Amino acid sequence: MYPSVNIDPGLLKGPAFYKLMERHVISLKHQEMNGYPRPHPTNKTRAVISSIEIDKLRSKPTVSLASDERICDRCLAVYKVNSRGLAVEQLSI
């Protein structure tokens, strides 16, 4: 459980809030590297994902997994799950 934190409500609006959140904004380059959808250049009803990221997503190894194992989509590590499909081991990064 997370400890409770008292935050001044005045910090949750306007320029003060923007300043607090500014450190969490990532550049367009980092968005592309991490597979964020970008607007399609000509079709406003579509999005584009970087081809680098698409290639990364398609290159998953072909491994035989037990019924209680899964592969992490991000780092490709194999981990165990319980009967509800929840991870039972913490991934080491």
PDB file of N, CA and C in Angstrom:
ATOM      1  N   MET A   1       0.833  -1.168   0.000  1.00  0.00           N
ATOM      2  CA  MET A   1       0.000   0.000   0.000  1.00  0.00           C
ATOM      3  C   MET A   1       0.886   1.242   0.000  1.00  0.00           C
ATOM      4  N   TYR A   2       0.480   2.250  -0.742  1.00  0.00           N
ATOM      5  CA  TYR A   2       1.251   3.479  -0.837  1.00  0.00           C
ATOM      6  C   TYR A   2       0.963   4.382   0.350  1.00  0.00           C
ATOM      7  N   PRO A   3       1.989   5.075   0.859  1.00  0.00           N
ATOM      8  CA  PRO A   3       1.748   6.002   1.960  1.00  0.00           C
ATOM      9  C   PRO A   3       0.914   7.176   1.469  1.00  0.00           C
ATOM     10  N   SER A   4       0.095   7.715   2.346  1.00  0.00           N
ATOM     11  CA  SER A   4      -0.721   8.852   1.934  1.00  0.00           C
ATOM     12  C   SER A   4       0.156  10.095   1.901  1.00  0.00           C
ATOM     13  N   VAL A   5      -0.094  10.948   0.938  1.00  0.00           N
ATOM     14  CA  VAL A   5       0.684  12.161   0.760  1.00  0.00           C
ATOM     15  C   VAL A   5      -0.281  13.330   0.727  1.00  0.00           C
ATOM     16  N   ASN A   6       0.030  14.350   1.494  1.00  0.00           N
ATOM     17  CA  ASN A   6      -0.785  15.558   1.467  1.00  0.00           C
ATOM     18  C   ASN A   6      -0.216  16.508   0.426  1.00  0.00           C
ATOM     19  N   ILE A   7      -1.030  16.837  -0.571  1.00  0.00           N
ATOM     20  CA  ILE A   7      -0.605  17.722  -1.650  1.00  0.00           C
ATOM     21  C   ILE A   7      -1.448  18.981  -1.589  1.00  0.00           C
ATOM     22  N   ASP A   8      -0.768  20.102  -1.693  1.00  0.00           N
ATOM     23  CA  ASP A   8      -1.463  21.385  -1.708  1.00  0.00           C
ATOM     24  C   ASP A   8      -2.330  21.453  -2.960  1.00  0.00           C
ATOM     25  N   PRO A   9      -3.662  21.612  -2.830  1.00  0.00           N
ATOM     26  CA  PRO A   9      -4.542  21.674  -3.996  1.00  0.00           C
ATOM     27  C   PRO A   9      -4.165  22.775  -4.981  1.00  0.00           C
ATOM     28  N   GLY A  10      -3.491  23.793  -4.516  1.00  0.00           N
ATOM     29  CA  GLY A  10      -3.050  24.872  -5.405  1.00  0.00           C
ATOM     30  C   GLY A  10      -2.020  24.410  -6.418  1.00  0.00           C
ATOM     31  N   LEU A  11      -1.326  23.294  -6.125  1.00  0.00           N
ATOM     32  CA  LEU A  11      -0.320  22.767  -7.054  1.00  0.00           C
ATOM     33  C   LEU A  11      -0.936  21.926  -8.167  1.00  0.00           C
ATOM     34  N   LEU A  12      -2.227  21.644  -8.074  1.00  0.00           N
ATOM     35  CA  LEU A  12      -2.863  20.764  -9.047  1.00  0.00           C
ATOM     36  C   LEU A  12      -3.569  21.518 -10.152  1.00  0.00           C
ATOM     37  N   LYS A  13      -3.194  22.770 -10.379  1.00  0.00           N
ATOM     38  CA  LYS A  13      -3.780  23.532 -11.481  1.00  0.00           C
ATOM     39  C   LYS A  13      -2.798  24.587 -11.961  1.00  0.00           C
ATOM     40  N   GLY A  14      -3.013  25.016 -13.183  1.00  0.00           N
ATOM     41  CA  GLY A  14      -2.237  26.109 -13.750  1.00  0.00           C
ATOM     42  C   GLY A  14      -0.762  25.823 -13.915  1.00  0.00           C
ATOM     43  N   PRO A  15       0.042  26.876 -13.918  1.00  0.00           N
ATOM     44  CA  PRO A  15       1.483  26.758 -14.173  1.00  0.00           C
ATOM     45  C   PRO A  15       2.219  25.875 -13.168  1.00  0.00           C
ATOM     46  N   ALA A  16       1.779  25.870 -11.910  1.00  0.00           N
ATOM     47  CA  ALA A  16       2.457  25.036 -10.913  1.00  0.00           C
ATOM     48  C   ALA A  16       2.296  23.557 -11.258  1.00  0.00           C
ATOM     49  N   PHE A  17       1.092  23.159 -11.676  1.00  0.00           N
ATOM     50  CA  PHE A  17       0.849  21.766 -12.063  1.00  0.00           C
ATOM     51  C   PHE A  17       1.672  21.412 -13.305  1.00  0.00           C
ATOM     52  N   TYR A  18       1.693  22.308 -14.280  1.00  0.00           N
ATOM     53  CA  TYR A  18       2.476  22.070 -15.493  1.00  0.00           C
ATOM     54  C   TYR A  18       3.948  21.854 -15.128  1.00  0.00           C
ATOM     55  N   LYS A  19       4.465  22.664 -14.234  1.00  0.00           N
ATOM     56  CA  LYS A  19       5.868  22.548 -13.834  1.00  0.00           C
ATOM     57  C   LYS A  19       6.128  21.196 -13.161  1.00  0.00           C
ATOM     58  N   LEU A  20       5.186  20.729 -12.336  1.00  0.00           N
ATOM     59  CA  LEU A  20       5.342  19.426 -11.692  1.00  0.00           C
ATOM     60  C   LEU A  20       5.343  18.293 -12.719  1.00  0.00           C
ATOM     61  N   MET A  21       4.506  18.397 -13.729  1.00  0.00           N
ATOM     62  CA  MET A  21       4.361  17.323 -14.711  1.00  0.00           C
ATOM     63  C   MET A  21       5.401  17.381 -15.828  1.00  0.00           C
ATOM     64  N   GLU A  22       6.065  18.505 -15.972  1.00  0.00           N
ATOM     65  CA  GLU A  22       6.991  18.706 -17.080  1.00  0.00           C
ATOM     66  C   GLU A  22       8.092  17.646 -17.137  1.00  0.00           C
ATOM     67  N   ARG A  23       8.531  17.152 -15.988  1.00  0.00           N
ATOM     68  CA  ARG A  23       9.599  16.151 -15.989  1.00  0.00           C
ATOM     69  C   ARG A  23       9.147  14.809 -16.559  1.00  0.00           C
ATOM     70  N   HIS A  24       7.839  14.590 -16.681  1.00  0.00           N
ATOM     71  CA  HIS A  24       7.321  13.324 -17.205  1.00  0.00           C
ATOM     72  C   HIS A  24       7.078  13.362 -18.713  1.00  0.00           C
ATOM     73  N   VAL A  25       7.232  14.503 -19.335  1.00  0.00           N
ATOM     74  CA  VAL A  25       7.014  14.634 -20.778  1.00  0.00           C
ATOM     75  C   VAL A  25       8.231  14.070 -21.503  1.00  0.00           C
ATOM     76  N   ILE A  26       7.985  13.222 -22.517  1.00  0.00           N
ATOM     77  CA  ILE A  26       9.107  12.668 -23.272  1.00  0.00           C
ATOM     78  C   ILE A  26       9.121  13.269 -24.669  1.00  0.00           C
ATOM     79  N   SER A  27      10.289  13.285 -25.264  1.00  0.00           N
ATOM     80  CA  SER A  27      10.463  13.893 -26.583  1.00  0.00           C
ATOM     81  C   SER A  27       9.781  13.048 -27.662  1.00  0.00           C
ATOM     82  N   LEU A  28       9.570  13.647 -28.822  1.00  0.00           N
ATOM     83  CA  LEU A  28       8.984  12.912 -29.950  1.00  0.00           C
ATOM     84  C   LEU A  28       9.865  11.726 -30.343  1.00  0.00           C
ATOM     85  N   LYS A  29      11.180  11.907 -30.256  1.00  0.00           N
ATOM     86  CA  LYS A  29      12.107  10.811 -30.581  1.00  0.00           C
ATOM     87  C   LYS A  29      11.901   9.639 -29.625  1.00  0.00           C
ATOM     88  N   HIS A  30      11.780   9.928 -28.323  1.00  0.00           N
ATOM     89  CA  HIS A  30      11.561   8.857 -27.345  1.00  0.00           C
ATOM     90  C   HIS A  30      10.186   8.217 -27.524  1.00  0.00           C
ATOM     91  N   GLN A  31       9.195   9.008 -27.902  1.00  0.00           N
ATOM     92  CA  GLN A  31       7.879   8.439 -28.174  1.00  0.00           C
ATOM     93  C   GLN A  31       7.974   7.438 -29.320  1.00  0.00           C
ATOM     94  N   GLU A  32       8.676   7.810 -30.374  1.00  0.00           N
ATOM     95  CA  GLU A  32       8.827   6.917 -31.531  1.00  0.00           C
ATOM     96  C   GLU A  32       9.602   5.661 -31.144  1.00  0.00           C
ATOM     97  N   MET A  33      10.678   5.816 -30.369  1.00  0.00           N
ATOM     98  CA  MET A  33      11.494   4.673 -29.954  1.00  0.00           C
ATOM     99  C   MET A  33      10.701   3.703 -29.086  1.00  0.00           C
ATOM    100  N   ASN A  34       9.721   4.208 -28.340  1.00  0.00           N
ATOM    101  CA  ASN A  34       8.953   3.374 -27.427  1.00  0.00           C
ATOM    102  C   ASN A  34       7.601   2.954 -27.994  1.00  0.00           C
ATOM    103  N   GLY A  35       7.390   3.148 -29.290  1.00  0.00           N
ATOM    104  CA  GLY A  35       6.199   2.625 -29.937  1.00  0.00           C
ATOM    105  C   GLY A  35       4.932   3.419 -29.725  1.00  0.00           C
ATOM    106  N   TYR A  36       5.046   4.697 -29.372  1.00  0.00           N
ATOM    107  CA  TYR A  36       3.844   5.522 -29.255  1.00  0.00           C
ATOM    108  C   TYR A  36       3.263   5.741 -30.647  1.00  0.00           C
ATOM    109  N   PRO A  37       1.970   5.599 -30.810  1.00  0.00           N
ATOM    110  CA  PRO A  37       1.368   5.881 -32.119  1.00  0.00           C
ATOM    111  C   PRO A  37       1.518   7.359 -32.457  1.00  0.00           C
ATOM    112  N   ARG A  38       1.856   7.634 -33.686  1.00  0.00           N
ATOM    113  CA  ARG A  38       1.995   9.007 -34.173  1.00  0.00           C
ATOM    114  C   ARG A  38       0.924   9.247 -35.218  1.00  0.00           C
ATOM    115  N   PRO A  39       0.490  10.479 -35.427  1.00  0.00           N
ATOM    116  CA  PRO A  39      -0.510  10.751 -36.455  1.00  0.00           C
ATOM    117  C   PRO A  39      -0.002  10.349 -37.844  1.00  0.00           C
ATOM    118  N   HIS A  40      -0.864   9.770 -38.650  1.00  0.00           N
ATOM    119  CA  HIS A  40      -0.519   9.419 -40.024  1.00  0.00           C
ATOM    120  C   HIS A  40      -0.311  10.719 -40.795  1.00  0.00           C
ATOM    121  N   PRO A  41       0.716  10.796 -41.653  1.00  0.00           N
ATOM    122  CA  PRO A  41       1.009  12.061 -42.338  1.00  0.00           C
ATOM    123  C   PRO A  41      -0.100  12.543 -43.281  1.00  0.00           C
ATOM    124  N   THR A  42      -0.867  11.620 -43.867  1.00  0.00           N
ATOM    125  CA  THR A  42      -1.879  12.060 -44.831  1.00  0.00           C
ATOM    126  C   THR A  42      -3.303  11.680 -44.457  1.00  0.00           C
ATOM    127  N   ASN A  43      -3.493  10.623 -43.690  1.00  0.00           N
ATOM    128  CA  ASN A  43      -4.828  10.158 -43.340  1.00  0.00           C
ATOM    129  C   ASN A  43      -5.105  10.446 -41.859  1.00  0.00           C
ATOM    130  N   LYS A  44      -5.964  11.412 -41.595  1.00  0.00           N
ATOM    131  CA  LYS A  44      -6.211  11.849 -40.213  1.00  0.00           C
ATOM    132  C   LYS A  44      -6.963  10.822 -39.376  1.00  0.00           C
ATOM    133  N   THR A  45      -7.499   9.764 -39.988  1.00  0.00           N
ATOM    134  CA  THR A  45      -8.212   8.737 -39.229  1.00  0.00           C
ATOM    135  C   THR A  45      -7.304   7.562 -38.857  1.00  0.00           C
ATOM    136  N   ARG A  46      -6.028   7.653 -39.171  1.00  0.00           N
ATOM    137  CA  ARG A  46      -5.091   6.563 -38.906  1.00  0.00           C
ATOM    138  C   ARG A  46      -3.911   7.035 -38.063  1.00  0.00           C
ATOM    139  N   ALA A  47      -3.229   6.060 -37.466  1.00  0.00           N
ATOM    140  CA  ALA A  47      -2.008   6.326 -36.710  1.00  0.00           C
ATOM    141  C   ALA A  47      -0.885   5.466 -37.284  1.00  0.00           C
ATOM    142  N   VAL A  48       0.333   5.864 -37.014  1.00  0.00           N
ATOM    143  CA  VAL A  48       1.509   5.145 -37.501  1.00  0.00           C
ATOM    144  C   VAL A  48       2.379   4.796 -36.299  1.00  0.00           C
ATOM    145  N   ILE A  49       2.883   3.557 -36.284  1.00  0.00           N
ATOM    146  CA  ILE A  49       3.839   3.141 -35.263  1.00  0.00           C
ATOM    147  C   ILE A  49       5.172   2.939 -35.968  1.00  0.00           C
ATOM    148  N   SER A  50       6.244   3.389 -35.359  1.00  0.00           N
ATOM    149  CA  SER A  50       7.570   3.302 -35.939  1.00  0.00           C
ATOM    150  C   SER A  50       7.853   1.892 -36.436  1.00  0.00           C
ATOM    151  N   SER A  51       8.431   1.783 -37.633  1.00  0.00           N
ATOM    152  CA  SER A  51       8.747   0.466 -38.188  1.00  0.00           C
ATOM    153  C   SER A  51       9.796  -0.241 -37.342  1.00  0.00           C
ATOM    154  N   ILE A  52      10.646   0.514 -36.659  1.00  0.00           N
ATOM    155  CA  ILE A  52      11.629  -0.096 -35.769  1.00  0.00           C
ATOM    156  C   ILE A  52      10.897  -0.867 -34.674  1.00  0.00           C
ATOM    157  N   GLU A  53       9.869  -0.248 -34.099  1.00  0.00           N
ATOM    158  CA  GLU A  53       9.114  -0.894 -33.029  1.00  0.00           C
ATOM    159  C   GLU A  53       8.320  -2.087 -33.560  1.00  0.00           C
ATOM    160  N   ILE A  54       7.767  -1.978 -34.757  1.00  0.00           N
ATOM    161  CA  ILE A  54       7.009  -3.085 -35.336  1.00  0.00           C
ATOM    162  C   ILE A  54       7.927  -4.290 -35.530  1.00  0.00           C
ATOM    163  N   ASP A  55       9.145  -4.052 -36.049  1.00  0.00           N
ATOM    164  CA  ASP A  55      10.102  -5.147 -36.220  1.00  0.00           C
ATOM    165  C   ASP A  55      10.448  -5.777 -34.878  1.00  0.00           C
ATOM    166  N   LYS A  56      10.589  -4.955 -33.846  1.00  0.00           N
ATOM    167  CA  LYS A  56      10.899  -5.464 -32.514  1.00  0.00           C
ATOM    168  C   LYS A  56       9.755  -6.339 -32.005  1.00  0.00           C
ATOM    169  N   LEU A  57       8.515  -5.925 -32.245  1.00  0.00           N
ATOM    170  CA  LEU A  57       7.367  -6.690 -31.784  1.00  0.00           C
ATOM    171  C   LEU A  57       7.246  -8.033 -32.495  1.00  0.00           C
ATOM    172  N   ARG A  58       7.620  -8.078 -33.760  1.00  0.00           N
ATOM    173  CA  ARG A  58       7.484  -9.310 -34.544  1.00  0.00           C
ATOM    174  C   ARG A  58       8.601 -10.302 -34.297  1.00  0.00           C
ATOM    175  N   SER A  59       9.692  -9.872 -33.682  1.00  0.00           N
ATOM    176  CA  SER A  59      10.846 -10.760 -33.552  1.00  0.00           C
ATOM    177  C   SER A  59      10.855 -11.525 -32.224  1.00  0.00           C
ATOM    178  N   LYS A  60       9.694 -11.949 -31.757  1.00  0.00           N
ATOM    179  CA  LYS A  60       9.637 -12.742 -30.531  1.00  0.00           C
ATOM    180  C   LYS A  60      10.199 -14.136 -30.802  1.00  0.00           C
ATOM    181  N   PRO A  61      10.954 -14.657 -29.851  1.00  0.00           N
ATOM    182  CA  PRO A  61      11.527 -15.986 -30.063  1.00  0.00           C
ATOM    183  C   PRO A  61      10.441 -17.060 -30.035  1.00  0.00           C
ATOM    184  N   THR A  62      10.688 -18.116 -30.777  1.00  0.00           N
ATOM    185  CA  THR A  62       9.757 -19.245 -30.742  1.00  0.00           C
ATOM    186  C   THR A  62      10.287 -20.227 -29.702  1.00  0.00           C
ATOM    187  N   VAL A  63       9.612 -20.286 -28.573  1.00  0.00           N
ATOM    188  CA  VAL A  63      10.029 -21.132 -27.455  1.00  0.00           C
ATOM    189  C   VAL A  63       8.824 -21.933 -27.003  1.00  0.00           C
ATOM    190  N   SER A  64       9.080 -23.151 -26.552  1.00  0.00           N
ATOM    191  CA  SER A  64       8.006 -23.950 -25.979  1.00  0.00           C
ATOM    192  C   SER A  64       7.853 -23.557 -24.513  1.00  0.00           C
ATOM    193  N   LEU A  65       6.666 -23.078 -24.161  1.00  0.00           N
ATOM    194  CA  LEU A  65       6.410 -22.646 -22.793  1.00  0.00           C
ATOM    195  C   LEU A  65       5.478 -23.631 -22.101  1.00  0.00           C
ATOM    196  N   ALA A  66       5.667 -23.794 -20.805  1.00  0.00           N
ATOM    197  CA  ALA A  66       4.737 -24.582 -20.007  1.00  0.00           C
ATOM    198  C   ALA A  66       3.443 -23.782 -19.872  1.00  0.00           C
ATOM    199  N   SER A  67       2.382 -24.435 -19.442  1.00  0.00           N
ATOM    200  CA  SER A  67       1.094 -23.748 -19.337  1.00  0.00           C
ATOM    201  C   SER A  67       1.110 -22.634 -18.298  1.00  0.00           C
ATOM    202  N   ASP A  68       2.091 -22.654 -17.387  1.00  0.00           N
ATOM    203  CA  ASP A  68       2.168 -21.609 -16.362  1.00  0.00           C
ATOM    204  C   ASP A  68       3.290 -20.611 -16.640  1.00  0.00           C
ATOM    205  N   GLU A  69       3.706 -20.487 -17.898  1.00  0.00           N
ATOM    206  CA  GLU A  69       4.769 -19.554 -18.269  1.00  0.00           C
ATOM    207  C   GLU A  69       4.293 -18.593 -19.345  1.00  0.00           C
ATOM    208  N   ARG A  70       4.846 -17.392 -19.308  1.00  0.00           N
ATOM    209  CA  ARG A  70       4.561 -16.364 -20.310  1.00  0.00           C
ATOM    210  C   ARG A  70       5.866 -15.671 -20.678  1.00  0.00           C
ATOM    211  N   ILE A  71       5.847 -14.932 -21.801  1.00  0.00           N
ATOM    212  CA  ILE A  71       7.001 -14.150 -22.218  1.00  0.00           C
ATOM    213  C   ILE A  71       6.636 -12.676 -22.105  1.00  0.00           C
ATOM    214  N   CYS A  72       7.512 -11.900 -21.470  1.00  0.00           N
ATOM    215  CA  CYS A  72       7.310 -10.457 -21.340  1.00  0.00           C
ATOM    216  C   CYS A  72       7.416  -9.811 -22.718  1.00  0.00           C
ATOM    217  N   ASP A  73       6.408  -9.021 -23.098  1.00  0.00           N
ATOM    218  CA  ASP A  73       6.416  -8.340 -24.390  1.00  0.00           C
ATOM    219  C   ASP A  73       7.519  -7.292 -24.486  1.00  0.00           C
ATOM    220  N   ARG A  74       7.918  -6.748 -23.356  1.00  0.00           N
ATOM    221  CA  ARG A  74       8.900  -5.671 -23.359  1.00  0.00           C
ATOM    222  C   ARG A  74      10.329  -6.191 -23.412  1.00  0.00           C
ATOM    223  N   CYS A  75      10.665  -7.156 -22.525  1.00  0.00           N
ATOM    224  CA  CYS A  75      12.061  -7.595 -22.430  1.00  0.00           C
ATOM    225  C   CYS A  75      12.280  -9.041 -22.861  1.00  0.00           C
ATOM    226  N   LEU A  76      11.198  -9.756 -23.215  1.00  0.00           N
ATOM    227  CA  LEU A  76      11.245 -11.136 -23.694  1.00  0.00           C
ATOM    228  C   LEU A  76      11.689 -12.149 -22.635  1.00  0.00           C
ATOM    229  N   ALA A  77      11.627 -11.766 -21.348  1.00  0.00           N
ATOM    230  CA  ALA A  77      11.961 -12.704 -20.270  1.00  0.00           C
ATOM    231  C   ALA A  77      10.791 -13.667 -20.060  1.00  0.00           C
ATOM    232  N   VAL A  78      11.106 -14.904 -19.693  1.00  0.00           N
ATOM    233  CA  VAL A  78      10.080 -15.893 -19.384  1.00  0.00           C
ATOM    234  C   VAL A  78       9.769 -15.789 -17.895  1.00  0.00           C
ATOM    235  N   TYR A  79       8.477 -15.771 -17.552  1.00  0.00           N
ATOM    236  CA  TYR A  79       8.083 -15.698 -16.147  1.00  0.00           C
ATOM    237  C   TYR A  79       6.914 -16.636 -15.882  1.00  0.00           C
ATOM    238  N   LYS A  80       6.721 -16.994 -14.624  1.00  0.00           N
ATOM    239  CA  LYS A  80       5.658 -17.920 -14.208  1.00  0.00           C
ATOM    240  C   LYS A  80       4.400 -17.143 -13.848  1.00  0.00           C
ATOM    241  N   VAL A  81       3.233 -17.768 -14.078  1.00  0.00           N
ATOM    242  CA  VAL A  81       1.950 -17.181 -13.698  1.00  0.00           C
ATOM    243  C   VAL A  81       1.166 -18.200 -12.886  1.00  0.00           C
ATOM    244  N   ASN A  82       0.209 -17.692 -12.092  1.00  0.00           N
ATOM    245  CA  ASN A  82      -0.646 -18.584 -11.315  1.00  0.00           C
ATOM    246  C   ASN A  82      -1.869 -18.979 -12.138  1.00  0.00           C
ATOM    247  N   SER A  83      -2.818 -19.662 -11.546  1.00  0.00           N
ATOM    248  CA  SER A  83      -3.996 -20.137 -12.278  1.00  0.00           C
ATOM    249  C   SER A  83      -4.865 -18.992 -12.803  1.00  0.00           C
ATOM    250  N   ARG A  84      -4.720 -17.796 -12.223  1.00  0.00           N
ATOM    251  CA  ARG A  84      -5.485 -16.636 -12.693  1.00  0.00           C
ATOM    252  C   ARG A  84      -4.721 -15.839 -13.760  1.00  0.00           C
ATOM    253  N   GLY A  85      -3.508 -16.283 -14.095  1.00  0.00           N
ATOM    254  CA  GLY A  85      -2.715 -15.602 -15.108  1.00  0.00           C
ATOM    255  C   GLY A  85      -1.887 -14.449 -14.571  1.00  0.00           C
ATOM    256  N   LEU A  86      -1.769 -14.338 -13.252  1.00  0.00           N
ATOM    257  CA  LEU A  86      -0.992 -13.265 -12.645  1.00  0.00           C
ATOM    258  C   LEU A  86       0.428 -13.744 -12.371  1.00  0.00           C
ATOM    259  N   ALA A  87       1.400 -12.873 -12.576  1.00  0.00           N
ATOM    260  CA  ALA A  87       2.805 -13.236 -12.360  1.00  0.00           C
ATOM    261  C   ALA A  87       3.036 -13.637 -10.912  1.00  0.00           C
ATOM    262  N   VAL A  88       3.784 -14.718 -10.712  1.00  0.00           N
ATOM    263  CA  VAL A  88       4.099 -15.159  -9.354  1.00  0.00           C
ATOM    264  C   VAL A  88       5.556 -14.886  -8.991  1.00  0.00           C
ATOM    265  N   GLU A  89       6.337 -14.424  -9.936  1.00  0.00           N
ATOM    266  CA  GLU A  89       7.722 -14.056  -9.687  1.00  0.00           C
ATOM    267  C   GLU A  89       7.905 -12.626 -10.154  1.00  0.00           C
ATOM    268  N   GLN A  90       8.746 -11.884  -9.439  1.00  0.00           N
ATOM    269  CA  GLN A  90       9.040 -10.530  -9.881  1.00  0.00           C
ATOM    270  C   GLN A  90      10.100 -10.613 -10.962  1.00  0.00           C
ATOM    271  N   LEU A  91       9.887  -9.882 -12.059  1.00  0.00           N
ATOM    272  CA  LEU A  91      10.880  -9.848 -13.143  1.00  0.00           C
ATOM    273  C   LEU A  91      12.087  -9.072 -12.692  1.00  0.00           C
ATOM    274  N   SER A  92      13.268  -9.571 -12.997  1.00  0.00           N
ATOM    275  CA  SER A  92      14.475  -8.797 -12.725  1.00  0.00           C
ATOM    276  C   SER A  92      14.867  -8.097 -14.019  1.00  0.00           C
ATOM    277  N   ILE A  93      15.047  -6.803 -13.917  1.00  0.00           N
ATOM    278  CA  ILE A  93      15.321  -5.995 -15.120  1.00  0.00           C
ATOM    279  C   ILE A  93      16.789  -5.706 -15.232  1.00  0.00           C
TER     280      ILE A  93
END
